[in-house]
């Protein structure tokens, strides 16, 4: 018996729920229980390979290690069949959700801005892909190989750099476009059809209670 007005567990009922309720089952999952509000630090690459992103509902703090974060690019499949026959047999939808203008989180790594000067961004002469962390540089840094189309071409003057013992540019860690997955590149005038025009119109829409009552805001 429990003394009146006193909280506790009846003698001999250790482990049982209060007032005879069954004790909560123990978790068999060895992983620690995480709060749904706890942010996960996600490094886009680990051990030289791409990291598989968590579900899109997971709060993330993105650390850009050379691949775009899931806020900017996410695949519908984390594991892709290696052969066309297996892919057709599985009949799984495969696509990419690309959001290049997604704003980074407050604690995410900031997106660096790359300004390569009057010559503009370095691009592949064949497919026009922008230079990125997966371009290969050969011939002691004098030539580059596009990771999209495989075309080999000379490195533009002023952009060449010697390679280290592993065949990597010695300045790769100092150039965001060669070590980050997401960058903003400053474009030159040749990328614009016409100079940016200043805004010439300003639209004001009354959305107060009076406008709603008279039907002015009805779709």
N, C-alpha and C. Protein backbone atom coordinates (compact mmCIF):
# COMPACT_ATOMS: atom_id res chain seq x y z
N UNK A 1 0.84 -1.19 0.00
CA UNK A 1 0.00 0.00 0.00
C UNK A 1 0.88 1.24 0.00
N UNK A 2 0.36 2.29 -0.60
CA UNK A 2 1.06 3.56 -0.63
C UNK A 2 0.38 4.49 0.35
N UNK A 3 1.18 5.12 1.18
CA UNK A 3 0.61 6.04 2.16
C UNK A 3 -0.14 7.14 1.44
N UNK A 4 -1.30 7.53 1.98
CA UNK A 4 -2.08 8.60 1.34
C UNK A 4 -1.26 9.87 1.19
N UNK A 5 -1.37 10.47 0.01
CA UNK A 5 -0.67 11.72 -0.24
C UNK A 5 0.80 11.55 -0.53
N UNK A 6 1.26 10.30 -0.67
CA UNK A 6 2.68 10.08 -0.92
C UNK A 6 2.86 9.41 -2.27
N UNK A 7 3.73 9.98 -3.09
CA UNK A 7 4.00 9.42 -4.40
C UNK A 7 5.07 8.36 -4.28
N UNK A 8 4.94 7.31 -5.06
CA UNK A 8 5.97 6.29 -5.04
C UNK A 8 5.50 5.05 -5.75
N UNK A 9 6.31 3.99 -5.71
CA UNK A 9 6.00 2.72 -6.33
C UNK A 9 5.75 1.70 -5.24
N UNK A 10 4.67 0.93 -5.33
CA UNK A 10 4.38 -0.06 -4.29
C UNK A 10 5.54 -1.03 -4.15
N UNK A 11 5.76 -1.53 -2.92
CA UNK A 11 6.84 -2.50 -2.71
C UNK A 11 6.64 -3.72 -3.59
N UNK A 12 7.76 -4.20 -4.12
CA UNK A 12 7.72 -5.39 -4.97
C UNK A 12 7.27 -5.11 -6.38
N UNK A 13 7.04 -3.85 -6.70
CA UNK A 13 6.57 -3.52 -8.05
C UNK A 13 7.63 -2.75 -8.81
N UNK A 14 8.89 -2.97 -8.46
CA UNK A 14 9.97 -2.25 -9.14
C UNK A 14 9.96 -2.59 -10.62
N UNK A 15 10.05 -1.59 -11.44
CA UNK A 15 10.06 -1.78 -12.88
C UNK A 15 8.68 -1.75 -13.48
N UNK A 16 7.65 -1.91 -12.67
CA UNK A 16 6.29 -1.86 -13.21
C UNK A 16 5.84 -0.43 -13.32
N UNK A 17 4.86 -0.20 -14.16
CA UNK A 17 4.32 1.14 -14.29
C UNK A 17 3.51 1.51 -13.07
N UNK A 18 3.38 2.80 -12.83
CA UNK A 18 2.64 3.27 -11.67
C UNK A 18 1.18 2.88 -11.79
N UNK A 19 0.57 2.50 -10.66
CA UNK A 19 -0.82 2.06 -10.61
C UNK A 19 -1.06 0.86 -11.52
N UNK A 20 -0.07 -0.03 -11.61
CA UNK A 20 -0.27 -1.27 -12.32
C UNK A 20 -0.11 -1.17 -13.82
N UNK A 21 0.22 0.00 -14.37
CA UNK A 21 0.41 0.12 -15.82
C UNK A 21 1.66 -0.64 -16.22
N UNK A 22 1.68 -1.26 -17.40
CA UNK A 22 2.85 -2.02 -17.82
C UNK A 22 4.06 -1.12 -18.00
N UNK A 23 5.22 -1.67 -17.67
CA UNK A 23 6.46 -0.90 -17.82
C UNK A 23 6.74 -0.66 -19.29
N UNK A 24 7.29 0.50 -19.63
CA UNK A 24 7.61 0.77 -21.04
C UNK A 24 8.65 -0.20 -21.56
N UNK A 25 8.45 -0.63 -22.79
CA UNK A 25 9.38 -1.59 -23.39
C UNK A 25 10.73 -0.93 -23.64
N UNK A 26 11.78 -1.71 -23.47
CA UNK A 26 13.12 -1.20 -23.72
C UNK A 26 13.37 -1.11 -25.21
N UNK A 27 14.14 -0.09 -25.60
CA UNK A 27 14.49 0.07 -27.00
C UNK A 27 15.57 -0.94 -27.38
N UNK A 28 15.32 -1.66 -28.47
CA UNK A 28 16.32 -2.59 -28.97
C UNK A 28 17.31 -1.91 -29.92
N UNK A 29 16.96 -0.71 -30.36
CA UNK A 29 17.83 0.02 -31.27
C UNK A 29 19.00 0.58 -30.48
N UNK A 30 20.24 0.19 -30.82
CA UNK A 30 21.40 0.68 -30.05
C UNK A 30 21.71 2.14 -30.30
N UNK A 31 21.13 2.73 -31.35
CA UNK A 31 21.42 4.13 -31.63
C UNK A 31 20.73 5.03 -30.62
N UNK A 32 21.35 6.13 -30.24
CA UNK A 32 20.72 7.03 -29.27
C UNK A 32 19.49 7.69 -29.86
N UNK A 33 18.50 7.88 -29.01
CA UNK A 33 17.28 8.55 -29.45
C UNK A 33 17.57 10.03 -29.62
N UNK A 34 17.29 10.56 -30.81
CA UNK A 34 17.58 11.96 -31.12
C UNK A 34 16.30 12.77 -31.08
N UNK A 35 16.43 13.96 -30.62
CA UNK A 35 15.30 14.88 -30.64
C UNK A 35 14.99 15.25 -32.09
N UNK A 36 13.70 15.33 -32.45
CA UNK A 36 13.38 15.68 -33.84
C UNK A 36 13.85 17.08 -34.22
N UNK A 37 14.16 17.92 -33.24
CA UNK A 37 14.62 19.27 -33.52
C UNK A 37 16.14 19.36 -33.58
N UNK A 38 16.84 18.27 -33.30
CA UNK A 38 18.29 18.30 -33.28
C UNK A 38 18.83 18.36 -34.70
N UNK A 39 19.71 19.31 -34.96
CA UNK A 39 20.28 19.46 -36.28
C UNK A 39 21.42 18.47 -36.47
N UNK A 40 21.47 17.91 -37.65
CA UNK A 40 22.52 16.96 -38.00
C UNK A 40 23.58 17.68 -38.82
N UNK A 41 24.84 17.55 -38.43
CA UNK A 41 25.94 18.11 -39.21
C UNK A 41 26.24 17.15 -40.36
N UNK A 42 26.04 17.62 -41.58
CA UNK A 42 26.18 16.77 -42.76
C UNK A 42 27.35 17.25 -43.60
N UNK A 43 28.39 16.42 -43.70
CA UNK A 43 29.52 16.70 -44.58
C UNK A 43 29.25 16.07 -45.93
N UNK A 44 29.33 16.87 -46.99
CA UNK A 44 28.93 16.39 -48.31
C UNK A 44 29.86 15.31 -48.86
N UNK A 45 31.08 15.23 -48.35
CA UNK A 45 32.01 14.17 -48.74
C UNK A 45 32.75 13.69 -47.51
N UNK A 46 32.99 12.37 -47.47
CA UNK A 46 33.77 11.78 -46.39
C UNK A 46 34.63 10.67 -46.97
N UNK A 47 35.89 10.67 -46.58
CA UNK A 47 36.79 9.63 -47.05
C UNK A 47 36.96 9.61 -48.55
N UNK A 48 36.85 10.78 -49.19
CA UNK A 48 37.03 10.86 -50.63
C UNK A 48 35.82 10.42 -51.44
N UNK A 49 34.68 10.19 -50.80
CA UNK A 49 33.49 9.75 -51.53
C UNK A 49 32.30 10.60 -51.11
N UNK A 50 31.27 10.59 -51.96
CA UNK A 50 30.07 11.36 -51.67
C UNK A 50 29.34 10.78 -50.46
N UNK A 51 28.77 11.64 -49.65
CA UNK A 51 27.97 11.19 -48.51
C UNK A 51 26.51 11.05 -48.93
N UNK A 52 25.87 10.00 -48.44
CA UNK A 52 24.45 9.80 -48.72
C UNK A 52 23.65 10.72 -47.81
N UNK A 53 22.83 11.59 -48.36
CA UNK A 53 22.10 12.54 -47.51
C UNK A 53 21.00 11.85 -46.72
N UNK A 54 20.66 12.41 -45.57
CA UNK A 54 19.54 11.87 -44.78
C UNK A 54 18.22 12.26 -45.41
N UNK A 55 17.10 11.80 -44.87
CA UNK A 55 15.79 12.20 -45.41
C UNK A 55 15.64 13.72 -45.43
N UNK A 56 14.83 14.19 -46.37
CA UNK A 56 14.69 15.64 -46.57
C UNK A 56 14.05 16.33 -45.38
N UNK A 57 13.39 15.59 -44.50
CA UNK A 57 12.77 16.19 -43.32
C UNK A 57 13.75 16.39 -42.17
N UNK A 58 14.99 15.93 -42.33
CA UNK A 58 15.99 16.03 -41.26
C UNK A 58 16.61 17.42 -41.25
N UNK A 59 16.58 18.14 -40.13
CA UNK A 59 17.27 19.44 -40.07
C UNK A 59 18.77 19.24 -40.22
N UNK A 60 19.38 20.03 -41.12
CA UNK A 60 20.78 19.82 -41.46
C UNK A 60 21.60 21.09 -41.25
N UNK A 61 22.86 20.88 -40.91
CA UNK A 61 23.89 21.91 -40.99
C UNK A 61 24.90 21.39 -42.01
N UNK A 62 24.96 22.01 -43.18
CA UNK A 62 25.73 21.48 -44.30
C UNK A 62 27.17 21.99 -44.23
N UNK A 63 28.10 21.05 -44.36
CA UNK A 63 29.51 21.36 -44.47
C UNK A 63 29.96 20.95 -45.87
N UNK A 64 30.27 21.94 -46.69
CA UNK A 64 30.64 21.70 -48.09
C UNK A 64 32.07 21.18 -48.15
N UNK A 65 32.21 19.90 -48.50
CA UNK A 65 33.52 19.27 -48.62
C UNK A 65 33.87 18.92 -50.06
N UNK A 66 33.14 19.51 -51.01
CA UNK A 66 33.46 19.26 -52.41
C UNK A 66 32.29 18.80 -53.25
N UNK A 67 31.14 18.56 -52.63
CA UNK A 67 29.92 18.20 -53.35
C UNK A 67 28.80 19.13 -52.91
N UNK A 68 27.84 19.33 -53.81
CA UNK A 68 26.71 20.19 -53.48
C UNK A 68 25.89 19.58 -52.35
N UNK A 69 25.39 20.42 -51.47
CA UNK A 69 24.56 19.95 -50.38
C UNK A 69 23.17 19.57 -50.85
N UNK A 70 22.43 18.80 -50.05
CA UNK A 70 21.09 18.36 -50.47
C UNK A 70 20.09 19.49 -50.60
N UNK A 71 20.37 20.67 -50.04
CA UNK A 71 19.47 21.81 -50.26
C UNK A 71 19.51 22.25 -51.73
N UNK A 72 20.66 22.07 -52.37
CA UNK A 72 20.82 22.52 -53.75
C UNK A 72 20.60 21.40 -54.76
N UNK A 73 20.93 20.18 -54.40
CA UNK A 73 20.76 19.07 -55.34
C UNK A 73 20.52 17.78 -54.56
N UNK A 74 19.46 17.09 -54.94
CA UNK A 74 19.13 15.82 -54.27
C UNK A 74 18.62 14.85 -55.32
N UNK A 75 19.10 13.62 -55.24
CA UNK A 75 18.68 12.57 -56.16
C UNK A 75 17.50 11.81 -55.56
N UNK A 76 16.63 11.31 -56.45
CA UNK A 76 15.53 10.49 -55.97
C UNK A 76 15.99 9.11 -55.53
N UNK A 77 17.20 8.72 -55.91
CA UNK A 77 17.78 7.44 -55.50
C UNK A 77 19.13 7.69 -54.86
N UNK A 78 19.36 7.09 -53.71
CA UNK A 78 20.68 7.17 -53.09
C UNK A 78 21.64 6.15 -53.67
N UNK A 79 21.11 5.03 -54.15
CA UNK A 79 21.92 3.99 -54.77
C UNK A 79 21.34 3.72 -56.16
N UNK A 80 22.17 3.87 -57.18
CA UNK A 80 21.73 3.74 -58.56
C UNK A 80 22.22 2.41 -59.13
N UNK A 81 21.35 1.62 -59.75
CA UNK A 81 21.80 0.36 -60.37
C UNK A 81 22.92 0.62 -61.38
N UNK A 82 23.89 -0.28 -61.41
CA UNK A 82 25.07 -0.08 -62.26
C UNK A 82 24.84 -0.49 -63.71
N UNK A 83 23.85 -1.32 -63.96
CA UNK A 83 23.62 -1.78 -65.33
C UNK A 83 22.24 -1.34 -65.80
N UNK A 84 22.09 -1.02 -67.09
CA UNK A 84 20.77 -0.64 -67.61
C UNK A 84 19.73 -1.74 -67.44
N UNK A 85 20.16 -3.01 -67.55
CA UNK A 85 19.20 -4.11 -67.41
C UNK A 85 18.61 -4.14 -66.00
N UNK A 86 19.46 -3.98 -64.99
CA UNK A 86 18.97 -3.97 -63.61
C UNK A 86 18.09 -2.76 -63.35
N UNK A 87 18.45 -1.63 -63.94
CA UNK A 87 17.65 -0.42 -63.75
C UNK A 87 16.25 -0.60 -64.34
N UNK A 88 16.17 -1.21 -65.52
CA UNK A 88 14.85 -1.45 -66.13
C UNK A 88 14.05 -2.46 -65.33
N UNK A 89 14.72 -3.43 -64.75
CA UNK A 89 14.02 -4.46 -63.98
C UNK A 89 13.43 -3.88 -62.69
N UNK A 90 14.16 -2.98 -62.04
CA UNK A 90 13.67 -2.41 -60.78
C UNK A 90 12.53 -1.42 -60.99
N UNK A 91 12.54 -0.74 -62.13
CA UNK A 91 11.48 0.22 -62.47
C UNK A 91 11.31 1.29 -61.39
N UNK A 92 12.43 1.84 -60.97
CA UNK A 92 12.40 2.91 -59.97
C UNK A 92 12.55 4.26 -60.66
N UNK A 93 11.77 5.25 -60.26
CA UNK A 93 11.94 6.58 -60.87
C UNK A 93 13.26 7.20 -60.44
N UNK A 94 13.95 7.76 -61.40
CA UNK A 94 15.26 8.35 -61.12
C UNK A 94 15.29 9.76 -61.68
N UNK A 95 15.62 10.70 -60.82
CA UNK A 95 15.70 12.09 -61.24
C UNK A 95 16.48 12.90 -60.23
N UNK A 96 16.67 14.16 -60.54
CA UNK A 96 17.38 15.08 -59.67
C UNK A 96 16.48 16.28 -59.36
N UNK A 97 16.45 16.65 -58.10
CA UNK A 97 15.78 17.87 -57.69
C UNK A 97 16.87 18.93 -57.50
N UNK A 98 16.89 19.91 -58.40
CA UNK A 98 17.96 20.91 -58.41
C UNK A 98 17.37 22.27 -58.05
N UNK A 99 17.94 22.88 -57.05
CA UNK A 99 17.49 24.20 -56.58
C UNK A 99 18.72 25.08 -56.38
N UNK A 100 19.28 25.60 -57.47
CA UNK A 100 20.55 26.34 -57.35
C UNK A 100 20.45 27.63 -56.55
N UNK A 101 19.25 28.20 -56.42
CA UNK A 101 19.11 29.46 -55.71
C UNK A 101 18.66 29.27 -54.26
N UNK A 102 18.71 28.05 -53.77
CA UNK A 102 18.31 27.80 -52.38
C UNK A 102 19.22 28.57 -51.43
N UNK A 103 18.62 29.25 -50.48
CA UNK A 103 19.41 30.01 -49.51
C UNK A 103 20.02 29.05 -48.49
N UNK A 104 21.30 29.19 -48.18
CA UNK A 104 21.91 28.32 -47.18
C UNK A 104 21.34 28.59 -45.79
N UNK A 105 21.41 27.59 -44.94
CA UNK A 105 20.97 27.77 -43.56
C UNK A 105 21.89 28.71 -42.81
N UNK A 106 21.42 29.18 -41.66
CA UNK A 106 22.20 30.14 -40.88
C UNK A 106 23.53 29.57 -40.43
N UNK A 107 23.59 28.25 -40.22
CA UNK A 107 24.82 27.62 -39.73
C UNK A 107 25.53 26.83 -40.82
N UNK A 108 25.00 26.84 -42.03
CA UNK A 108 25.67 26.15 -43.13
C UNK A 108 26.96 26.88 -43.52
N UNK A 109 27.85 26.16 -44.19
CA UNK A 109 29.01 26.83 -44.76
C UNK A 109 28.53 27.87 -45.77
N UNK A 110 29.06 29.09 -45.72
CA UNK A 110 28.64 30.11 -46.70
C UNK A 110 29.07 29.72 -48.10
N UNK A 111 28.30 30.16 -49.08
CA UNK A 111 28.64 29.88 -50.48
C UNK A 111 29.64 30.92 -50.95
N UNK A 112 30.84 30.49 -51.35
CA UNK A 112 31.85 31.48 -51.76
C UNK A 112 31.55 32.06 -53.13
N UNK A 113 32.00 33.28 -53.32
CA UNK A 113 31.88 33.96 -54.61
C UNK A 113 33.22 33.91 -55.33
N UNK A 114 33.19 33.50 -56.59
CA UNK A 114 34.41 33.33 -57.39
C UNK A 114 34.42 34.38 -58.50
N UNK A 115 35.43 35.21 -58.51
CA UNK A 115 35.61 36.22 -59.55
C UNK A 115 36.95 35.96 -60.23
N UNK A 116 36.90 35.46 -61.45
CA UNK A 116 38.12 35.12 -62.18
C UNK A 116 38.58 36.24 -63.10
N UNK A 117 38.06 37.43 -62.88
CA UNK A 117 38.56 38.58 -63.60
C UNK A 117 37.87 38.83 -64.93
N UNK A 118 38.49 39.66 -65.77
CA UNK A 118 37.85 40.05 -67.05
C UNK A 118 37.57 38.87 -67.97
N UNK A 119 38.34 37.80 -67.85
CA UNK A 119 38.12 36.65 -68.71
C UNK A 119 36.89 35.85 -68.37
N UNK A 120 36.32 36.08 -67.21
CA UNK A 120 35.12 35.37 -66.82
C UNK A 120 35.41 33.96 -66.34
N UNK A 121 34.37 33.20 -66.05
CA UNK A 121 34.54 31.83 -65.55
C UNK A 121 35.24 30.94 -66.58
N UNK A 122 36.03 30.01 -66.07
CA UNK A 122 36.68 29.02 -66.93
C UNK A 122 35.65 27.95 -67.27
N UNK A 123 35.51 27.65 -68.58
CA UNK A 123 34.49 26.70 -69.02
C UNK A 123 35.09 25.74 -70.04
N UNK A 124 34.43 24.59 -70.18
CA UNK A 124 34.84 23.61 -71.18
C UNK A 124 34.53 24.16 -72.56
N UNK A 125 35.49 24.02 -73.48
CA UNK A 125 35.29 24.54 -74.83
C UNK A 125 34.28 23.72 -75.62
N UNK A 126 34.01 22.49 -75.20
CA UNK A 126 33.10 21.62 -75.94
C UNK A 126 31.67 21.72 -75.43
N UNK A 127 31.46 21.45 -74.15
CA UNK A 127 30.09 21.39 -73.60
C UNK A 127 29.73 22.60 -72.76
N UNK A 128 30.67 23.53 -72.56
CA UNK A 128 30.45 24.77 -71.81
C UNK A 128 30.24 24.55 -70.32
N UNK A 129 30.62 23.39 -69.80
CA UNK A 129 30.53 23.17 -68.36
C UNK A 129 31.52 24.09 -67.63
N UNK A 130 31.12 24.55 -66.47
CA UNK A 130 31.99 25.41 -65.68
C UNK A 130 33.05 24.57 -64.98
N UNK A 131 34.22 25.15 -64.80
CA UNK A 131 35.27 24.44 -64.07
C UNK A 131 34.76 24.15 -62.66
N UNK A 132 35.10 22.96 -62.18
CA UNK A 132 34.60 22.55 -60.87
C UNK A 132 35.60 21.62 -60.21
N UNK A 133 35.22 21.13 -59.05
CA UNK A 133 36.15 20.31 -58.26
C UNK A 133 36.47 18.98 -58.91
N UNK A 134 35.77 18.61 -59.99
CA UNK A 134 35.98 17.31 -60.61
C UNK A 134 36.60 17.41 -62.00
N UNK A 135 36.99 18.61 -62.41
CA UNK A 135 37.85 18.73 -63.58
C UNK A 135 39.20 18.09 -63.24
N UNK A 136 39.78 17.38 -64.19
CA UNK A 136 41.12 16.82 -64.00
C UNK A 136 42.13 17.70 -64.75
N UNK A 137 43.27 17.88 -64.13
CA UNK A 137 44.34 18.66 -64.74
C UNK A 137 45.52 17.73 -65.00
N UNK A 138 46.04 17.80 -66.22
CA UNK A 138 47.13 16.93 -66.66
C UNK A 138 48.22 17.78 -67.29
N UNK A 139 49.26 17.10 -67.76
CA UNK A 139 50.39 17.78 -68.43
C UNK A 139 50.96 18.87 -67.53
N UNK A 140 51.20 18.48 -66.26
CA UNK A 140 51.76 19.41 -65.28
C UNK A 140 50.91 20.66 -65.13
N UNK A 141 49.59 20.49 -65.23
CA UNK A 141 48.67 21.60 -65.01
C UNK A 141 48.39 22.44 -66.23
N UNK A 142 48.97 22.08 -67.38
CA UNK A 142 48.78 22.88 -68.58
C UNK A 142 47.54 22.53 -69.37
N UNK A 143 46.93 21.38 -69.08
CA UNK A 143 45.72 20.96 -69.78
C UNK A 143 44.70 20.47 -68.77
N UNK A 144 43.43 20.55 -69.15
CA UNK A 144 42.36 20.13 -68.25
C UNK A 144 41.40 19.22 -69.00
N UNK A 145 40.76 18.32 -68.23
CA UNK A 145 39.83 17.34 -68.78
C UNK A 145 38.47 17.57 -68.13
N UNK A 146 37.46 17.80 -68.95
CA UNK A 146 36.11 18.08 -68.45
C UNK A 146 35.50 16.82 -67.85
N UNK A 147 34.89 16.95 -66.70
CA UNK A 147 34.26 15.79 -66.06
C UNK A 147 32.88 15.48 -66.63
N UNK A 148 32.35 16.35 -67.50
CA UNK A 148 31.05 16.10 -68.12
C UNK A 148 31.19 15.39 -69.46
N UNK A 149 31.99 15.94 -70.35
CA UNK A 149 32.09 15.37 -71.70
C UNK A 149 33.42 14.67 -71.96
N UNK A 150 34.40 14.82 -71.06
CA UNK A 150 35.68 14.16 -71.22
C UNK A 150 36.64 14.84 -72.17
N UNK A 151 36.28 16.03 -72.66
CA UNK A 151 37.15 16.72 -73.60
C UNK A 151 38.40 17.25 -72.89
N UNK A 152 39.55 17.04 -73.52
CA UNK A 152 40.81 17.57 -73.01
C UNK A 152 41.17 18.83 -73.79
N UNK A 153 41.60 19.85 -73.09
CA UNK A 153 41.84 21.14 -73.72
C UNK A 153 42.88 21.92 -72.93
N UNK A 154 43.49 22.93 -73.55
CA UNK A 154 44.48 23.73 -72.81
C UNK A 154 43.81 24.54 -71.70
N UNK A 155 44.55 24.74 -70.64
CA UNK A 155 44.08 25.60 -69.56
C UNK A 155 44.24 27.06 -70.01
N UNK A 156 43.23 27.90 -69.81
CA UNK A 156 43.35 29.30 -70.24
C UNK A 156 44.58 29.97 -69.63
N UNK A 157 45.18 30.90 -70.37
CA UNK A 157 46.35 31.61 -69.83
C UNK A 157 46.02 32.30 -68.51
N UNK A 158 46.93 32.20 -67.59
CA UNK A 158 46.74 32.82 -66.29
C UNK A 158 46.02 31.94 -65.29
N UNK A 159 45.49 30.80 -65.73
CA UNK A 159 44.78 29.92 -64.80
C UNK A 159 45.55 28.64 -64.51
N UNK A 160 46.64 28.41 -65.22
CA UNK A 160 47.41 27.18 -65.04
C UNK A 160 48.14 27.21 -63.70
N UNK A 161 48.38 26.01 -63.18
CA UNK A 161 49.10 25.87 -61.91
C UNK A 161 49.77 24.50 -61.90
N UNK A 162 50.99 24.39 -61.38
CA UNK A 162 51.65 23.08 -61.31
C UNK A 162 50.87 22.10 -60.44
N UNK A 163 51.12 20.82 -60.67
CA UNK A 163 50.45 19.76 -59.92
C UNK A 163 51.37 19.23 -58.83
N UNK A 164 50.75 18.68 -57.79
CA UNK A 164 51.54 18.07 -56.72
C UNK A 164 51.81 16.60 -57.05
N UNK A 165 52.35 15.86 -56.10
CA UNK A 165 52.72 14.47 -56.34
C UNK A 165 51.51 13.58 -56.61
N UNK A 166 50.32 14.00 -56.18
CA UNK A 166 49.11 13.22 -56.40
C UNK A 166 48.34 13.66 -57.64
N UNK A 167 48.93 14.56 -58.42
CA UNK A 167 48.27 15.03 -59.63
C UNK A 167 47.20 16.07 -59.38
N UNK A 168 47.21 16.68 -58.22
CA UNK A 168 46.23 17.70 -57.87
C UNK A 168 46.88 19.07 -57.95
N UNK A 169 46.13 20.04 -58.41
CA UNK A 169 46.67 21.40 -58.47
C UNK A 169 47.12 21.86 -57.10
N UNK A 170 48.25 22.53 -57.06
CA UNK A 170 48.77 22.99 -55.78
C UNK A 170 47.91 24.08 -55.15
N UNK A 171 47.13 24.77 -55.96
CA UNK A 171 46.29 25.84 -55.42
C UNK A 171 44.84 25.42 -55.26
N UNK A 172 44.55 24.12 -55.36
CA UNK A 172 43.15 23.67 -55.33
C UNK A 172 42.46 24.06 -54.03
N UNK A 173 43.16 23.97 -52.91
CA UNK A 173 42.54 24.29 -51.63
C UNK A 173 42.28 25.79 -51.48
N UNK A 174 42.94 26.61 -52.31
CA UNK A 174 42.76 28.06 -52.23
C UNK A 174 41.75 28.58 -53.25
N UNK A 175 41.27 27.71 -54.11
CA UNK A 175 40.29 28.11 -55.13
C UNK A 175 38.96 27.43 -54.82
N UNK A 176 37.95 28.20 -54.40
CA UNK A 176 36.66 27.58 -54.05
C UNK A 176 36.05 26.76 -55.18
N UNK A 177 36.25 27.20 -56.43
CA UNK A 177 35.65 26.45 -57.54
C UNK A 177 36.28 25.08 -57.73
N UNK A 178 37.44 24.84 -57.10
CA UNK A 178 38.12 23.55 -57.23
C UNK A 178 38.03 22.71 -55.97
N UNK A 179 37.42 23.23 -54.92
CA UNK A 179 37.33 22.44 -53.69
C UNK A 179 35.94 22.48 -53.05
N UNK A 180 35.02 23.26 -53.60
CA UNK A 180 33.67 23.35 -53.04
C UNK A 180 32.66 22.80 -54.04
N UNK A 181 31.54 22.34 -53.52
CA UNK A 181 30.50 21.82 -54.39
C UNK A 181 29.54 22.88 -54.89
N UNK A 182 29.43 23.99 -54.16
CA UNK A 182 28.52 25.07 -54.55
C UNK A 182 29.29 26.39 -54.48
N UNK A 183 29.28 27.13 -55.58
CA UNK A 183 29.93 28.44 -55.63
C UNK A 183 29.06 29.38 -56.46
N UNK A 184 29.23 30.67 -56.24
CA UNK A 184 28.63 31.70 -57.08
C UNK A 184 29.75 32.29 -57.93
N UNK A 185 29.59 32.24 -59.26
CA UNK A 185 30.61 32.77 -60.16
C UNK A 185 30.17 34.11 -60.72
N UNK A 186 31.07 35.06 -60.69
CA UNK A 186 30.79 36.38 -61.24
C UNK A 186 30.90 36.30 -62.76
N UNK A 187 29.81 36.63 -63.44
CA UNK A 187 29.77 36.57 -64.90
C UNK A 187 30.19 37.91 -65.49
N UNK A 188 30.76 37.86 -66.67
CA UNK A 188 31.17 39.08 -67.37
C UNK A 188 30.05 39.54 -68.30
N UNK A 189 30.29 40.66 -68.98
CA UNK A 189 29.24 41.26 -69.82
C UNK A 189 28.83 40.35 -70.97
N UNK A 190 29.70 39.47 -71.42
CA UNK A 190 29.36 38.60 -72.55
C UNK A 190 28.27 37.59 -72.20
N UNK A 191 28.00 37.41 -70.91
CA UNK A 191 26.95 36.48 -70.51
C UNK A 191 25.58 37.14 -70.49
N UNK A 192 25.52 38.43 -70.75
CA UNK A 192 24.25 39.15 -70.72
C UNK A 192 23.82 39.52 -72.13
N UNK A 193 22.55 39.30 -72.44
CA UNK A 193 22.03 39.69 -73.74
C UNK A 193 22.00 41.20 -73.86
N UNK A 194 21.69 41.87 -72.76
CA UNK A 194 21.67 43.33 -72.72
C UNK A 194 22.01 43.76 -71.30
N UNK A 195 22.44 44.98 -71.11
CA UNK A 195 22.76 45.45 -69.75
C UNK A 195 21.52 45.39 -68.86
N UNK A 196 21.71 45.12 -67.59
CA UNK A 196 20.56 45.08 -66.68
C UNK A 196 19.82 46.42 -66.67
N UNK A 197 18.51 46.36 -66.82
CA UNK A 197 17.70 47.58 -66.84
C UNK A 197 17.20 47.89 -65.44
N UNK A 198 17.20 49.16 -65.07
CA UNK A 198 16.66 49.52 -63.75
C UNK A 198 15.15 49.30 -63.72
N UNK A 199 14.58 49.04 -62.56
CA UNK A 199 13.13 48.85 -62.48
C UNK A 199 12.39 50.12 -62.87
N UNK A 200 11.36 49.97 -63.69
CA UNK A 200 10.61 51.13 -64.18
C UNK A 200 9.15 51.10 -63.75
N UNK A 201 8.69 50.00 -63.16
CA UNK A 201 7.30 49.90 -62.74
C UNK A 201 7.24 49.44 -61.28
N UNK A 202 6.31 49.98 -60.58
CA UNK A 202 6.06 49.59 -59.20
C UNK A 202 4.58 49.29 -59.05
N UNK A 203 4.27 48.08 -58.66
CA UNK A 203 2.88 47.66 -58.51
C UNK A 203 2.53 47.60 -57.03
N UNK A 204 1.43 48.26 -56.66
CA UNK A 204 0.92 48.23 -55.30
C UNK A 204 -0.47 47.59 -55.32
N UNK A 205 -0.66 46.60 -54.49
CA UNK A 205 -1.94 45.90 -54.43
C UNK A 205 -2.52 46.07 -53.03
N UNK A 206 -3.69 46.64 -52.95
CA UNK A 206 -4.37 46.82 -51.68
C UNK A 206 -4.96 45.48 -51.25
N UNK A 207 -4.56 45.01 -50.09
CA UNK A 207 -5.03 43.71 -49.61
C UNK A 207 -5.64 43.84 -48.22
N UNK A 208 -6.15 45.00 -47.90
CA UNK A 208 -6.74 45.20 -46.59
C UNK A 208 -8.13 44.59 -46.49
N UNK A 209 -8.75 44.80 -45.33
CA UNK A 209 -10.08 44.21 -45.09
C UNK A 209 -11.11 44.77 -46.06
N UNK A 210 -11.01 46.07 -46.37
CA UNK A 210 -11.97 46.66 -47.29
C UNK A 210 -11.88 46.07 -48.69
N UNK A 211 -10.64 45.86 -49.17
CA UNK A 211 -10.46 45.27 -50.50
C UNK A 211 -10.96 43.84 -50.54
N UNK A 212 -10.72 43.10 -49.46
CA UNK A 212 -11.19 41.72 -49.42
C UNK A 212 -12.71 41.66 -49.36
N UNK A 213 -13.33 42.61 -48.66
CA UNK A 213 -14.79 42.60 -48.52
C UNK A 213 -15.49 42.89 -49.84
N UNK A 214 -14.90 43.75 -50.66
CA UNK A 214 -15.55 44.09 -51.93
C UNK A 214 -15.15 43.16 -53.07
N UNK A 215 -14.29 42.18 -52.78
CA UNK A 215 -13.92 41.20 -53.80
C UNK A 215 -12.77 41.61 -54.68
N UNK A 216 -12.06 42.70 -54.34
CA UNK A 216 -10.96 43.16 -55.19
C UNK A 216 -9.79 42.18 -55.21
N UNK A 217 -9.64 41.42 -54.16
CA UNK A 217 -8.51 40.48 -54.10
C UNK A 217 -8.90 39.07 -54.49
N UNK A 218 -10.14 38.89 -54.95
CA UNK A 218 -10.57 37.54 -55.35
C UNK A 218 -9.79 37.09 -56.58
N UNK A 219 -9.42 35.83 -56.59
CA UNK A 219 -8.65 35.30 -57.71
C UNK A 219 -9.51 35.23 -58.97
